[in-house]
Protein backbone atom coordinates (compact mmCIF):
# COMPACT_ATOMS: atom_id res chain seq x y z
CA MET A 1 -20.62 9.97 -1.21
CA ALA A 2 -17.35 10.41 0.65
CA ARG A 3 -14.88 7.60 -0.03
CA THR A 4 -13.40 7.49 3.44
CA ALA A 5 -12.74 4.91 6.12
CA THR A 6 -11.59 4.80 9.73
CA ILE A 7 -10.51 1.53 11.32
CA VAL A 8 -9.13 0.67 14.74
CA ARG A 9 -7.53 -2.74 15.20
CA GLU A 10 -6.12 -3.86 18.53
CA THR A 11 -4.47 -7.18 19.37
CA SER A 12 -2.08 -8.38 22.05
CA GLU A 13 0.74 -7.45 19.65
CA SER A 14 -0.26 -4.03 18.32
CA LYS A 15 -2.79 -1.23 18.16
CA VAL A 16 -3.47 0.52 14.86
CA GLU A 17 -5.76 3.50 14.27
CA LEU A 18 -6.00 4.50 10.61
CA SER A 19 -8.12 6.95 8.64
CA LEU A 20 -7.99 7.58 4.90
CA ASP A 21 -9.72 9.59 2.20
CA LEU A 22 -9.37 8.31 -1.36
CA ASP A 23 -10.24 11.72 -2.79
CA GLY A 24 -7.66 13.69 -0.87
CA THR A 25 -4.52 15.57 -1.85
CA GLY A 26 -1.92 13.24 -0.32
CA LYS A 27 -1.92 14.86 3.12
CA THR A 28 -0.33 12.50 5.64
CA ASP A 29 0.13 12.26 9.38
CA ILE A 30 2.00 9.03 10.08
CA GLU A 31 3.39 7.60 13.31
CA THR A 32 3.90 3.84 13.31
CA SER A 33 6.75 3.76 15.86
CA VAL A 34 8.96 2.38 13.05
CA PRO A 35 10.83 5.34 11.49
CA PHE A 36 11.55 3.85 8.06
CA TYR A 37 7.96 2.59 7.79
CA ASN A 38 6.76 6.11 8.60
CA HIS A 39 8.81 7.25 5.61
CA MET A 40 7.34 4.56 3.33
CA MET A 41 3.70 5.10 4.36
CA THR A 42 4.16 8.86 4.01
CA ALA A 43 5.37 8.27 0.45
CA LEU A 44 2.42 5.95 -0.20
CA GLY A 45 -0.08 8.59 0.89
CA LYS A 46 1.71 11.48 -0.81
CA HIS A 47 2.03 9.88 -4.23
CA SER A 48 -1.38 8.16 -4.28
CA LEU A 49 -3.11 11.42 -3.28
CA ILE A 50 -4.81 9.43 -0.52
CA ASP A 51 -5.08 11.45 2.68
CA LEU A 52 -3.75 9.13 5.36
CA LYS A 53 -3.51 9.32 9.15
CA ILE A 54 -1.94 6.45 11.07
CA ARG A 55 -1.20 5.89 14.74
CA ALA A 56 0.36 2.50 15.38
CA SER A 57 2.25 1.00 18.28
CA GLY A 58 3.15 -2.50 19.31
CA ASP A 59 5.71 -4.93 20.65
CA THR A 60 8.60 -3.38 18.74
CA ASP A 61 10.89 -4.33 21.63
CA ILE A 62 10.54 -7.88 20.25
CA ASP A 63 10.51 -7.05 16.54
CA VAL A 64 8.84 -4.47 14.29
CA HIS A 65 7.19 -7.24 12.23
CA HIS A 66 3.83 -7.27 14.05
CA THR A 67 3.35 -3.50 13.95
CA VAL A 68 4.35 -3.27 10.28
CA GLU A 69 2.15 -6.20 9.27
CA ASP A 70 -0.89 -5.04 11.24
CA THR A 71 -0.63 -1.52 9.82
CA ALA A 72 -0.60 -2.97 6.29
CA ILE A 73 -3.62 -5.15 7.13
CA VAL A 74 -5.57 -2.14 8.39
CA PHE A 75 -4.58 -0.03 5.37
CA GLY A 76 -5.86 -2.78 3.08
CA GLU A 77 -9.12 -3.09 5.02
CA ALA A 78 -9.64 0.68 4.98
CA LEU A 79 -8.94 0.85 1.25
CA LYS A 80 -11.53 -1.87 0.61
CA GLN A 81 -14.10 -0.16 2.84
CA ALA A 82 -13.59 3.27 1.27
CA LEU A 83 -13.98 1.84 -2.24
CA GLY A 84 -17.46 0.52 -1.44
CA ASP A 85 -18.95 -1.29 -4.44
CA LYS A 86 -16.21 0.22 -6.68
CA ARG A 87 -18.78 1.83 -8.92
CA GLY A 88 -17.23 4.17 -11.50
CA ILE A 89 -13.53 3.54 -10.75
CA ARG A 90 -10.85 2.99 -13.37
CA ARG A 91 -10.02 -0.38 -11.72
CA PHE A 92 -6.80 -1.20 -13.63
CA ALA A 93 -3.60 0.84 -13.43
CA ASP A 94 0.15 0.52 -13.58
CA ALA A 95 3.10 2.71 -12.70
CA THR A 96 6.85 2.46 -13.17
CA VAL A 97 8.84 4.59 -10.74
CA PRO A 98 12.60 5.21 -10.53
CA LEU A 99 14.63 6.24 -7.54
CA ASP A 100 18.21 6.82 -8.64
CA GLU A 101 19.51 3.38 -9.66
CA ALA A 102 16.34 1.56 -8.53
CA LEU A 103 13.30 1.00 -10.72
CA ALA A 104 10.02 -0.65 -9.70
CA ARG A 105 6.79 -1.38 -11.54
CA ALA A 106 3.40 -1.94 -9.88
CA VAL A 107 0.33 -3.19 -11.74
CA VAL A 108 -2.98 -3.30 -9.86
CA ASP A 109 -6.48 -4.56 -10.52
CA ILE A 110 -9.14 -3.61 -7.98
CA SER A 111 -10.72 -6.94 -8.76
CA GLY A 112 -12.24 -8.24 -5.54
CA ARG A 113 -9.89 -11.22 -5.89
CA PRO A 114 -6.77 -10.94 -3.72
CA TYR A 115 -3.51 -11.93 -5.34
CA ALA A 116 0.08 -10.74 -5.04
CA VAL A 117 3.14 -11.47 -7.14
CA CYS A 118 6.36 -9.77 -6.02
CA ILE A 119 9.50 -10.50 -8.02
CA GLY A 120 12.88 -9.06 -8.93
CA GLU A 121 14.27 -7.99 -5.57
CA PRO A 122 18.03 -8.67 -5.67
CA GLU A 123 19.50 -11.61 -3.80
CA GLY A 124 20.05 -10.75 -0.14
CA PHE A 125 17.59 -7.83 -0.17
CA GLU A 126 15.34 -9.66 2.28
CA TYR A 127 18.13 -9.61 4.88
CA ALA A 128 19.01 -5.92 4.49
CA MET A 129 18.40 -3.84 7.61
CA ILE A 130 17.01 -0.50 6.48
CA GLY A 131 16.94 2.35 8.96
CA GLY A 132 18.10 0.10 11.77
CA HIS A 133 14.78 -1.72 12.26
CA PHE A 134 13.10 -2.53 8.96
CA THR A 135 14.23 -5.64 7.06
CA GLY A 136 13.92 -5.87 3.28
CA SER A 137 11.69 -8.93 3.64
CA LEU A 138 8.99 -6.71 5.14
CA VAL A 139 8.46 -4.88 1.84
CA ARG A 140 7.01 -7.96 0.16
CA HIS A 141 5.05 -8.79 3.29
CA VAL A 142 3.48 -5.31 3.32
CA MET A 143 2.56 -5.59 -0.37
CA GLU A 144 0.97 -9.00 0.15
CA SER A 145 -0.91 -7.88 3.26
CA ILE A 146 -2.34 -4.83 1.51
CA ALA A 147 -3.37 -6.86 -1.54
CA PHE A 148 -5.03 -9.63 0.46
CA HIS A 149 -6.95 -7.31 2.78
CA ALA A 150 -7.97 -4.82 0.09
CA ASP A 151 -9.08 -7.66 -2.22
CA LEU A 152 -6.92 -6.43 -5.07
CA CYS A 153 -4.50 -8.08 -7.47
CA LEU A 154 -0.98 -6.66 -7.32
CA HIS A 155 2.04 -7.47 -9.45
CA MET A 156 5.17 -5.76 -8.14
CA THR A 157 8.41 -6.09 -10.11
CA VAL A 158 11.78 -4.66 -9.19
CA LEU A 159 13.47 -3.97 -12.52
CA ALA A 160 16.74 -2.56 -11.18
CA GLY A 161 18.36 -1.52 -7.94
CA ARG A 162 21.32 -1.80 -5.61
CA ASP A 163 20.61 0.30 -2.52
CA PRO A 164 17.97 -1.36 -0.27
CA HIS A 165 16.47 1.99 0.77
CA HIS A 166 16.06 3.02 -2.87
CA ILE A 167 14.55 -0.33 -3.87
CA ALA A 168 11.99 -0.29 -1.05
CA GLU A 169 11.04 3.32 -1.69
CA ALA A 170 10.64 2.76 -5.43
CA GLU A 171 8.28 -0.14 -4.66
CA PHE A 172 6.11 1.89 -2.29
CA LYS A 173 5.99 4.83 -4.70
CA ALA A 174 5.10 2.57 -7.63
CA LEU A 175 2.24 1.10 -5.62
CA ALA A 176 1.13 4.60 -4.68
CA ARG A 177 1.00 5.84 -8.27
CA ALA A 178 -0.80 2.72 -9.47
CA LEU A 179 -3.38 3.04 -6.69
CA ARG A 180 -3.86 6.73 -7.50
CA PHE A 181 -5.11 5.90 -10.98
CA ALA A 182 -6.87 2.60 -10.18
CA VAL A 183 -9.17 4.10 -7.52
CA GLU A 184 -9.79 7.29 -9.49
CA PRO A 185 -13.33 7.89 -10.81
CA ASP A 186 -13.58 7.39 -14.58
CA PRO A 187 -16.03 9.94 -16.01
CA ARG A 188 -16.75 7.68 -18.99
CA ILE A 189 -18.28 4.99 -16.77
CA ALA A 190 -19.80 7.12 -14.02
CA GLY A 191 -22.07 5.00 -11.85
CA ILE A 192 -21.11 1.74 -13.55
CA ILE A 193 -19.21 -1.14 -11.93
CA PRO A 194 -16.28 -1.86 -14.30
CA SER A 195 -16.79 -5.60 -14.63
CA THR A 196 -18.57 -7.91 -17.05
CA LYS A 197 -19.87 -9.70 -13.94
CA GLY A 198 -21.56 -6.53 -12.67
CA ALA A 199 -19.73 -6.80 -9.35
CA LEU A 200 -16.20 -6.49 -8.03
């Protein structure tokens, strides 16, 4: 069966239309109305090999927070929907990704139990304005929103970094690579749910 999902979410603050295919090639078509976020979500799709199309708009005249958050929520929901009962997936994965001086590690468990631990961002990173609109604090918020709405456990650790752009991009790419392997079918357990409980 195709592991795909399409979700439309509309509130008074934003409208998000998102489609994904877990078994894609990393083809992306992203327009969130937040340029740096476009860059990050493009990297997420490209390096996870998840085909991803996003159209998002919102009250960015106030702040980009709502549009960024709601896009992350919808991505998480679509990921959960596309995974179905998670039968035959690898489930656990980790990835450590450098970007020049920055280094980030993501560890994921497609567990059905949402949890997020994000540590190591340098002091002041949360206040950095990246690309003129996107604050460093939004990186952690995106990670948490994805984890909670996809029902996965995520540990994100920034191991090194100075430039806010590099740090953020390393985090998104690390998540992408970890997701690539976690959602991948494992031929050794084809048709089996990888849990002692029999459910995820």
